[in-house]
Amino acid sequence: MRNTLIAIWCAAGAFMFASCGSGSGEETTTTADTTSTETATVAGTDSTLTEDKQELMQFAARNNMLQVELGKLAAAQGTSDAVKTYGQNLVDWYTTKQEELQELSQQYNVTLPQQLEDEDNEHLTKLREAENFNEEYWNRLTKAQQDAIDEFDDGLKDVDETDASAFSVWARNTLKELRAQYEQAKGQEVELKRRDTGLNLDN
């Protein structure tokens, strides 16, 4: 009888030990997972920018404002549906890009310019007064777009493709969109010149 009781107590003790060991393992795993998650979150938080990236961000803000104004002029003074539609699309797209940039600037504590530079205002004035608005619009638009592409290319040349910081991802995506817009605008410019050449030949 005594041997039987001893055997029962030993079995019970072994069971309790196994249970405690199992619970401890789960707790350790959970703690490790939580620590891993917190580490990943901290690593994914990006709150500083190099001087070059800050300059690119400020340039992007000025370019957004310029493109919005060019778009407004096209929508108001364009003499073809293509110019008016493209202009309005620019207003919508660059307004959204500026809103995104404002959010990024707050994250990185970067002050963005709030007005255009004198040179940009001069370009807009000349465009308003152009005799052939459509032709002058495409010329100035594609020039501004090419300048923006060059600026983004230069600003991102030393940024590794694996850099997943918020601004770097935004800048790379924006550059792709800028290139697509430029190709579309150049196509419109070529089409306009083709039509003008055709009209001159007919005359």
Foldseek 3Di string as FASTA:
>chain_A
DVVVVVVVVVVVVVVVVVVVVVVVVVVVVVVVVVVVVVVVVVVQQDQADDPLLLVLLQVLLQLLVLLLLLLVCQLVPPPDPVSNVLSVVSNVVSVVVNVVSVVVCVSRVHDHDDDHDPVSVVLSVCLNVDPNNVLSSLVVVLVSLVVSLVSLCVSCVPPDPPPPHPSNVSSVVVSVVSVVSSVVSVVVNVVVVVVVVVVVVVD
